Amino acid sequence: ILTPGSTYRPEHYYSNFNYKGLSLQDWRKEVLE
């Protein structure tokens, strides 16, 4: 994941920025994949 100031692995991004009630696996499936 590229942001204007940093790069993240998806799991590291998720640990800082996430939707309440949406798991890492569901976020990857619904948004990234």
All heavy atoms as atom14 arrays in JSON, in Angstrom:
{
  "sequence": "ILTPGSTYRPEHYYSNFNYKGLSLQDWRKEVLE",
  "atom14_mask": [
    [1, 1, 1, 1, 1, 1, 1, 1, 0, 0, 0, 0, 0, 0],
    [1, 1, 1, 1, 1, 1, 1, 1, 0, 0, 0, 0, 0, 0],
    [1, 1, 1, 1, 1, 1, 1, 0, 0, 0, 0, 0, 0, 0],
    [1, 1, 1, 1, 1, 1, 1, 0, 0, 0, 0, 0, 0, 0],
    [1, 1, 1, 1, 0, 0, 0, 0, 0, 0, 0, 0, 0, 0],
    [1, 1, 1, 1, 1, 1, 0, 0, 0, 0, 0, 0, 0, 0],
    [1, 1, 1, 1, 1, 1, 1, 0, 0, 0, 0, 0, 0, 0],
    [1, 1, 1, 1, 1, 1, 1, 1, 1, 1, 1, 1, 0, 0],
    [1, 1, 1, 1, 1, 1, 1, 1, 1, 1, 1, 0, 0, 0],
    [1, 1, 1, 1, 1, 1, 1, 0, 0, 0, 0, 0, 0, 0],
    [1, 1, 1, 1, 1, 1, 1, 1, 1, 0, 0, 0, 0, 0],
    [1, 1, 1, 1, 1, 1, 1, 1, 1, 1, 0, 0, 0, 0],
    [1, 1, 1, 1, 1, 1, 1, 1, 1, 1, 1, 1, 0, 0],
    [1, 1, 1, 1, 1, 1, 1, 1, 1, 1, 1, 1, 0, 0],
    [1, 1, 1, 1, 1, 1, 0, 0, 0, 0, 0, 0, 0, 0],
    [1, 1, 1, 1, 1, 1, 1, 1, 0, 0, 0, 0, 0, 0],
    [1, 1, 1, 1, 1, 1, 1, 1, 1, 1, 1, 0, 0, 0],
    [1, 1, 1, 1, 1, 1, 1, 1, 0, 0, 0, 0, 0, 0],
    [1, 1, 1, 1, 1, 1, 1, 1, 1, 1, 1, 1, 0, 0],
    [1, 1, 1, 1, 1, 1, 1, 1, 1, 0, 0, 0, 0, 0],
    [1, 1, 1, 1, 0, 0, 0, 0, 0, 0, 0, 0, 0, 0],
    [1, 1, 1, 1, 1, 1, 1, 1, 0, 0, 0, 0, 0, 0],
    [1, 1, 1, 1, 1, 1, 0, 0, 0, 0, 0, 0, 0, 0],
    [1, 1, 1, 1, 1, 1, 1, 1, 0, 0, 0, 0, 0, 0],
    [1, 1, 1, 1, 1, 1, 1, 1, 1, 0, 0, 0, 0, 0],
    [1, 1, 1, 1, 1, 1, 1, 1, 0, 0, 0, 0, 0, 0],
    [1, 1, 1, 1, 1, 1, 1, 1, 1, 1, 1, 1, 1, 1],
    [1, 1, 1, 1, 1, 1, 1, 1, 1, 1, 1, 0, 0, 0],
    [1, 1, 1, 1, 1, 1, 1, 1, 1, 0, 0, 0, 0, 0],
    [1, 1, 1, 1, 1, 1, 1, 1, 1, 0, 0, 0, 0, 0],
    [1, 1, 1, 1, 1, 1, 1, 0, 0, 0, 0, 0, 0, 0],
    [1, 1, 1, 1, 1, 1, 1, 1, 0, 0, 0, 0, 0, 0],
    [1, 1, 1, 1, 1, 1, 1, 1, 1, 0, 0, 0, 0, 0]
  ],
  "atom14_positions": [
    [[0.85, -1.19, 0.0], [0.0, 0.0, 0.0], [0.89, 1.24, 0.0], [1.78, 1.38, 0.85], [-0.94, 0.01, 1.22], [-2.03, -1.05, 1.04], [-1.56, 1.38, 1.43], [-2.96, -1.19, 2.22], [0.0, 0.0, 0.0], [0.0, 0.0, 0.0], [0.0, 0.0, 0.0], [0.0, 0.0, 0.0], [0.0, 0.0, 0.0], [0.0, 0.0, 0.0]],
    [[0.64, 2.13, -0.97], [1.38, 3.4, -1.06], [0.49, 4.53, -0.57], [-0.65, 4.67, -1.02], [1.79, 3.68, -2.5], [2.52, 2.59, -3.3], [2.88, 3.13, -4.68], [3.76, 2.12, -2.57], [0.0, 0.0, 0.0], [0.0, 0.0, 0.0], [0.0, 0.0, 0.0], [0.0, 0.0, 0.0], [0.0, 0.0, 0.0], [0.0, 0.0, 0.0]],
    [[1.0, 5.33, 0.34], [0.32, 6.55, 0.76], [1.26, 7.71, 0.44], [2.44, 7.49, 0.14], [0.01, 6.53, 2.27], [1.23, 6.67, 3.0], [-0.69, 5.23, 2.67], [0.0, 0.0, 0.0], [0.0, 0.0, 0.0], [0.0, 0.0, 0.0], [0.0, 0.0, 0.0], [0.0, 0.0, 0.0], [0.0, 0.0, 0.0], [0.0, 0.0, 0.0]],
    [[0.8, 8.96, 0.5], [1.69, 10.07, 0.2], [2.95, 10.12, 1.06], [3.96, 10.67, 0.66], [0.81, 11.3, 0.45], [-0.57, 10.82, 0.17], [-0.6, 9.41, 0.67], [0.0, 0.0, 0.0], [0.0, 0.0, 0.0], [0.0, 0.0, 0.0], [0.0, 0.0, 0.0], [0.0, 0.0, 0.0], [0.0, 0.0, 0.0], [0.0, 0.0, 0.0]],
    [[2.91, 9.54, 2.27], [4.08, 9.64, 3.13], [4.75, 8.33, 3.5], [5.86, 8.35, 4.03], [0.0, 0.0, 0.0], [0.0, 0.0, 0.0], [0.0, 0.0, 0.0], [0.0, 0.0, 0.0], [0.0, 0.0, 0.0], [0.0, 0.0, 0.0], [0.0, 0.0, 0.0], [0.0, 0.0, 0.0], [0.0, 0.0, 0.0], [0.0, 0.0, 0.0]],
    [[4.09, 7.2, 3.24], [4.63, 5.92, 3.71], [4.2, 4.78, 2.8], [3.32, 4.93, 1.95], [4.16, 5.63, 5.14], [4.51, 6.66, 6.03], [0.0, 0.0, 0.0], [0.0, 0.0, 0.0], [0.0, 0.0, 0.0], [0.0, 0.0, 0.0], [0.0, 0.0, 0.0], [0.0, 0.0, 0.0], [0.0, 0.0, 0.0], [0.0, 0.0, 0.0]],
    [[4.85, 3.63, 3.02], [4.4, 2.4, 2.39], [4.1, 1.39, 3.49], [4.73, 1.41, 4.56], [5.48, 1.8, 1.45], [6.65, 1.51, 2.22], [5.81, 2.78, 0.33], [0.0, 0.0, 0.0], [0.0, 0.0, 0.0], [0.0, 0.0, 0.0], [0.0, 0.0, 0.0], [0.0, 0.0, 0.0], [0.0, 0.0, 0.0], [0.0, 0.0, 0.0]],
    [[3.11, 0.53, 3.25], [2.7, -0.44, 4.26], [2.41, -1.79, 3.6], [1.92, -1.84, 2.46], [1.39, -0.01, 4.95], [1.41, 1.3, 5.68], [1.15, 2.5, 5.02], [1.63, 1.35, 7.06], [1.12, 3.71, 5.69], [1.61, 2.55, 7.75], [1.35, 3.73, 7.07], [1.31, 4.93, 7.74], [0.0, 0.0, 0.0], [0.0, 0.0, 0.0]],
    [[2.67, -2.85, 4.34], [2.05, -4.11, 4.03], [0.59, -3.99, 4.49], [0.31, -3.27, 5.46], [2.74, -5.26, 4.76], [4.14, -5.55, 4.26], [4.15, -5.96, 2.8], [5.52, -6.24, 2.32], [5.8, -6.44, 1.06], [4.85, -6.38, 0.13], [7.04, -6.68, 0.68], [0.0, 0.0, 0.0], [0.0, 0.0, 0.0], [0.0, 0.0, 0.0]],
    [[-0.33, -4.66, 3.81], [-1.75, -4.5, 4.17], [-2.04, -4.72, 5.65], [-2.81, -3.97, 6.26], [-2.45, -5.55, 3.29], [-1.59, -5.61, 2.08], [-0.18, -5.47, 2.58], [0.0, 0.0, 0.0], [0.0, 0.0, 0.0], [0.0, 0.0, 0.0], [0.0, 0.0, 0.0], [0.0, 0.0, 0.0], [0.0, 0.0, 0.0], [0.0, 0.0, 0.0]],
    [[-1.42, -5.74, 6.25], [-1.69, -6.02, 7.66], [-1.19, -4.9, 8.56], [-1.79, -4.59, 9.61], [-1.1, -7.36, 8.09], [0.41, -7.49, 7.89], [0.79, -8.0, 6.51], [-0.05, -7.92, 5.58], [1.94, -8.5, 6.37], [0.0, 0.0, 0.0], [0.0, 0.0, 0.0], [0.0, 0.0, 0.0], [0.0, 0.0, 0.0], [0.0, 0.0, 0.0]],
    [[-0.09, -4.24, 8.17], [0.43, -3.13, 8.96], [-0.45, -1.9, 8.8], [-0.69, -1.16, 9.77], [1.87, -2.81, 8.56], [2.82, -3.93, 8.82], [3.93, -4.17, 8.02], [2.84, -4.9, 9.77], [4.58, -5.22, 8.48], [3.93, -5.69, 9.54], [0.0, 0.0, 0.0], [0.0, 0.0, 0.0], [0.0, 0.0, 0.0], [0.0, 0.0, 0.0]],
    [[-0.94, -1.66, 7.59], [-1.87, -0.55, 7.37], [-3.14, -0.77, 8.19], [-3.63, 0.15, 8.86], [-2.22, -0.43, 5.89], [-3.13, 0.74, 5.57], [-2.62, 2.0, 5.28], [-4.52, 0.57, 5.6], [-3.46, 3.07, 5.01], [-5.37, 1.64, 5.33], [-4.83, 2.88, 5.04], [-5.68, 3.94, 4.79], [0.0, 0.0, 0.0], [0.0, 0.0, 0.0]],
    [[-3.64, -1.98, 8.15], [-4.88, -2.31, 8.86], [-4.74, -2.09, 10.36], [-5.71, -1.7, 11.04], [-5.28, -3.75, 8.56], [-6.55, -4.2, 9.26], [-7.8, -3.97, 8.68], [-6.5, -4.84, 10.5], [-8.96, -4.38, 9.31], [-7.65, -5.25, 11.14], [-8.88, -5.01, 10.54], [-10.03, -5.4, 11.18], [0.0, 0.0, 0.0], [0.0, 0.0, 0.0]],
    [[-3.57, -2.33, 10.9], [-3.38, -2.16, 12.35], [-3.49, -0.7, 12.77], [-3.75, -0.4, 13.94], [-2.01, -2.72, 12.78], [-0.95, -1.95, 12.21], [0.0, 0.0, 0.0], [0.0, 0.0, 0.0], [0.0, 0.0, 0.0], [0.0, 0.0, 0.0], [0.0, 0.0, 0.0], [0.0, 0.0, 0.0], [0.0, 0.0, 0.0], [0.0, 0.0, 0.0]],
    [[-3.31, 0.23, 11.84], [-3.42, 1.67, 12.13], [-4.69, 2.3, 11.6], [-5.2, 3.27, 12.17], [-2.22, 2.43, 11.54], [-0.92, 2.12, 12.24], [-0.7, 2.55, 13.37], [-0.05, 1.37, 11.59], [0.0, 0.0, 0.0], [0.0, 0.0, 0.0], [0.0, 0.0, 0.0], [0.0, 0.0, 0.0], [0.0, 0.0, 0.0], [0.0, 0.0, 0.0]],
    [[-5.19, 1.77, 10.48], [-6.35, 2.35, 9.82], [-7.31, 1.22, 9.43], [-6.96, 0.39, 8.58], [-5.94, 3.12, 8.56], [-4.79, 4.07, 8.77], [-3.49, 3.68, 8.45], [-5.0, 5.33, 9.29], [-2.43, 4.54, 8.64], [-3.93, 6.2, 9.49], [-2.64, 5.81, 9.16], [0.0, 0.0, 0.0], [0.0, 0.0, 0.0], [0.0, 0.0, 0.0]],
    [[-8.49, 1.2, 10.02], [-9.42, 0.13, 9.69], [-10.86, 0.54, 9.96], [-11.13, 1.47, 10.72], [-9.08, -1.14, 10.48], [-9.11, -0.92, 11.98], [-10.16, -0.89, 12.6], [-7.92, -0.72, 12.57], [0.0, 0.0, 0.0], [0.0, 0.0, 0.0], [0.0, 0.0, 0.0], [0.0, 0.0, 0.0], [0.0, 0.0, 0.0], [0.0, 0.0, 0.0]],
    [[-11.77, -0.17, 9.32], [-13.2, 0.03, 9.54], [-13.65, -0.79, 10.73], [-13.35, -1.99, 10.81], [-14.0, -0.38, 8.3], [-13.62, 0.38, 7.05], [-12.67, -0.14, 6.16], [-14.2, 1.6, 6.76], [-12.33, 0.56, 5.02], [-13.86, 2.31, 5.62], [-12.91, 1.78, 4.75], [-12.56, 2.47, 3.63], [0.0, 0.0, 0.0], [0.0, 0.0, 0.0]],
    [[-14.37, -0.16, 11.63], [-14.85, -0.88, 12.8], [-15.79, -2.0, 12.37], [-16.69, -1.79, 11.57], [-15.57, 0.07, 13.76], [-14.66, 1.1, 14.41], [-15.4, 1.95, 15.42], [-15.81, 1.13, 16.63], [-16.42, 1.99, 17.68], [0.0, 0.0, 0.0], [0.0, 0.0, 0.0], [0.0, 0.0, 0.0], [0.0, 0.0, 0.0], [0.0, 0.0, 0.0]],
    [[-15.53, -3.2, 12.88], [-16.39, -4.33, 12.57], [-16.03, -5.06, 11.3], [-16.69, -6.05, 10.95], [0.0, 0.0, 0.0], [0.0, 0.0, 0.0], [0.0, 0.0, 0.0], [0.0, 0.0, 0.0], [0.0, 0.0, 0.0], [0.0, 0.0, 0.0], [0.0, 0.0, 0.0], [0.0, 0.0, 0.0], [0.0, 0.0, 0.0], [0.0, 0.0, 0.0]],
    [[-15.0, -4.59, 10.58], [-14.58, -5.24, 9.34], [-13.2, -5.88, 9.57], [-12.23, -5.17, 9.81], [-14.51, -4.23, 8.2], [-14.34, -4.81, 6.78], [-15.57, -5.61, 6.37], [-14.09, -3.69, 5.77], [0.0, 0.0, 0.0], [0.0, 0.0, 0.0], [0.0, 0.0, 0.0], [0.0, 0.0, 0.0], [0.0, 0.0, 0.0], [0.0, 0.0, 0.0]],
    [[-13.14, -7.19, 9.5], [-11.89, -7.9, 9.78], [-10.87, -7.65, 8.68], [-11.19, -7.19, 7.58], [-12.16, -9.4, 9.9], [-12.52, -9.94, 8.64], [0.0, 0.0, 0.0], [0.0, 0.0, 0.0], [0.0, 0.0, 0.0], [0.0, 0.0, 0.0], [0.0, 0.0, 0.0], [0.0, 0.0, 0.0], [0.0, 0.0, 0.0], [0.0, 0.0, 0.0]],
    [[-9.61, -7.98, 8.99], [-8.54, -7.84, 8.01], [-8.85, -8.64, 6.76], [-8.68, -8.14, 5.63], [-7.21, -8.32, 8.62], [-6.01, -8.43, 7.67], [-5.66, -7.09, 7.06], [-4.8, -9.03, 8.42], [0.0, 0.0, 0.0], [0.0, 0.0, 0.0], [0.0, 0.0, 0.0], [0.0, 0.0, 0.0], [0.0, 0.0, 0.0], [0.0, 0.0, 0.0]],
    [[-9.32, -9.87, 6.92], [-9.62, -10.72, 5.78], [-10.76, -10.15, 4.94], [-10.68, -10.13, 3.7], [-9.98, -12.14, 6.25], [-8.84, -12.92, 6.87], [-8.46, -12.42, 8.27], [-9.27, -11.77, 8.96], [-7.23, -12.71, 8.68], [0.0, 0.0, 0.0], [0.0, 0.0, 0.0], [0.0, 0.0, 0.0], [0.0, 0.0, 0.0], [0.0, 0.0, 0.0]],
    [[-11.81, -9.64, 5.6], [-12.95, -9.07, 4.87], [-12.55, -7.77, 4.18], [-13.01, -7.48, 3.06], [-14.11, -8.84, 5.81], [-14.78, -10.13, 6.25], [-14.58, -11.16, 5.57], [-15.49, -10.11, 7.28], [0.0, 0.0, 0.0], [0.0, 0.0, 0.0], [0.0, 0.0, 0.0], [0.0, 0.0, 0.0], [0.0, 0.0, 0.0], [0.0, 0.0, 0.0]],
    [[-11.72, -6.97, 4.83], [-11.25, -5.73, 4.21], [-10.43, -6.02, 2.96], [-10.62, -5.38, 1.93], [-10.41, -4.95, 5.24], [-9.66, -3.79, 4.66], [-10.19, -2.64, 4.13], [-8.24, -3.65, 4.57], [-9.18, -1.81, 3.72], [-7.97, -2.4, 3.98], [-7.17, -4.47, 4.95], [-6.68, -1.95, 3.75], [-5.88, -4.02, 4.73], [-5.65, -2.77, 4.14]],
    [[-9.54, -6.99, 3.05], [-8.75, -7.37, 1.88], [-9.67, -7.81, 0.75], [-9.49, -7.42, -0.41], [-7.77, -8.48, 2.23], [-6.62, -8.08, 3.14], [-5.59, -9.2, 3.24], [-4.96, -9.42, 1.94], [-3.67, -9.22, 1.7], [-2.87, -8.82, 2.66], [-3.16, -9.45, 0.5], [0.0, 0.0, 0.0], [0.0, 0.0, 0.0], [0.0, 0.0, 0.0]],
    [[-10.65, -8.62, 1.08], [-11.54, -9.17, 0.05], [-12.44, -8.09, -0.56], [-12.59, -8.02, -1.78], [-12.4, -10.28, 0.66], [-13.35, -10.94, -0.32], [-14.13, -12.05, 0.35], [-15.1, -12.7, -0.64], [-15.9, -13.78, 0.01], [0.0, 0.0, 0.0], [0.0, 0.0, 0.0], [0.0, 0.0, 0.0], [0.0, 0.0, 0.0], [0.0, 0.0, 0.0]],
    [[-13.02, -7.23, 0.29], [-14.0, -6.25, -0.18], [-13.38, -5.02, -0.82], [-13.98, -4.41, -1.71], [-14.9, -5.82, 0.99], [-15.77, -6.93, 1.53], [-16.61, -6.46, 2.7], [-16.77, -5.24, 2.86], [-17.12, -7.32, 3.45], [0.0, 0.0, 0.0], [0.0, 0.0, 0.0], [0.0, 0.0, 0.0], [0.0, 0.0, 0.0], [0.0, 0.0, 0.0]],
    [[-12.18, -4.65, -0.36], [-11.57, -3.4, -0.83], [-10.37, -3.65, -1.74], [-10.32, -3.15, -2.87], [-11.16, -2.5, 0.36], [-10.48, -1.22, -0.14], [-12.38, -2.16, 1.21], [0.0, 0.0, 0.0], [0.0, 0.0, 0.0], [0.0, 0.0, 0.0], [0.0, 0.0, 0.0], [0.0, 0.0, 0.0], [0.0, 0.0, 0.0], [0.0, 0.0, 0.0]],
    [[-9.41, -4.43, -1.27], [-8.14, -4.58, -2.0], [-8.22, -5.58, -3.15], [-7.57, -5.38, -4.18], [-7.03, -5.01, -1.04], [-6.76, -4.11, 0.17], [-5.55, -4.62, 0.94], [-6.57, -2.65, -0.25], [0.0, 0.0, 0.0], [0.0, 0.0, 0.0], [0.0, 0.0, 0.0], [0.0, 0.0, 0.0], [0.0, 0.0, 0.0], [0.0, 0.0, 0.0]],
    [[-8.98, -6.64, -3.0], [-8.93, -7.74, -3.96], [-10.17, -7.84, -4.84], [-10.39, -8.86, -5.5], [-8.72, -9.06, -3.19], [-7.4, -9.07, -2.41], [-7.26, -10.28, -1.5], [-8.23, -11.08, -1.43], [-6.2, -10.43, -0.86], [0.0, 0.0, 0.0], [0.0, 0.0, 0.0], [0.0, 0.0, 0.0], [0.0, 0.0, 0.0], [0.0, 0.0, 0.0]]
  ]
}
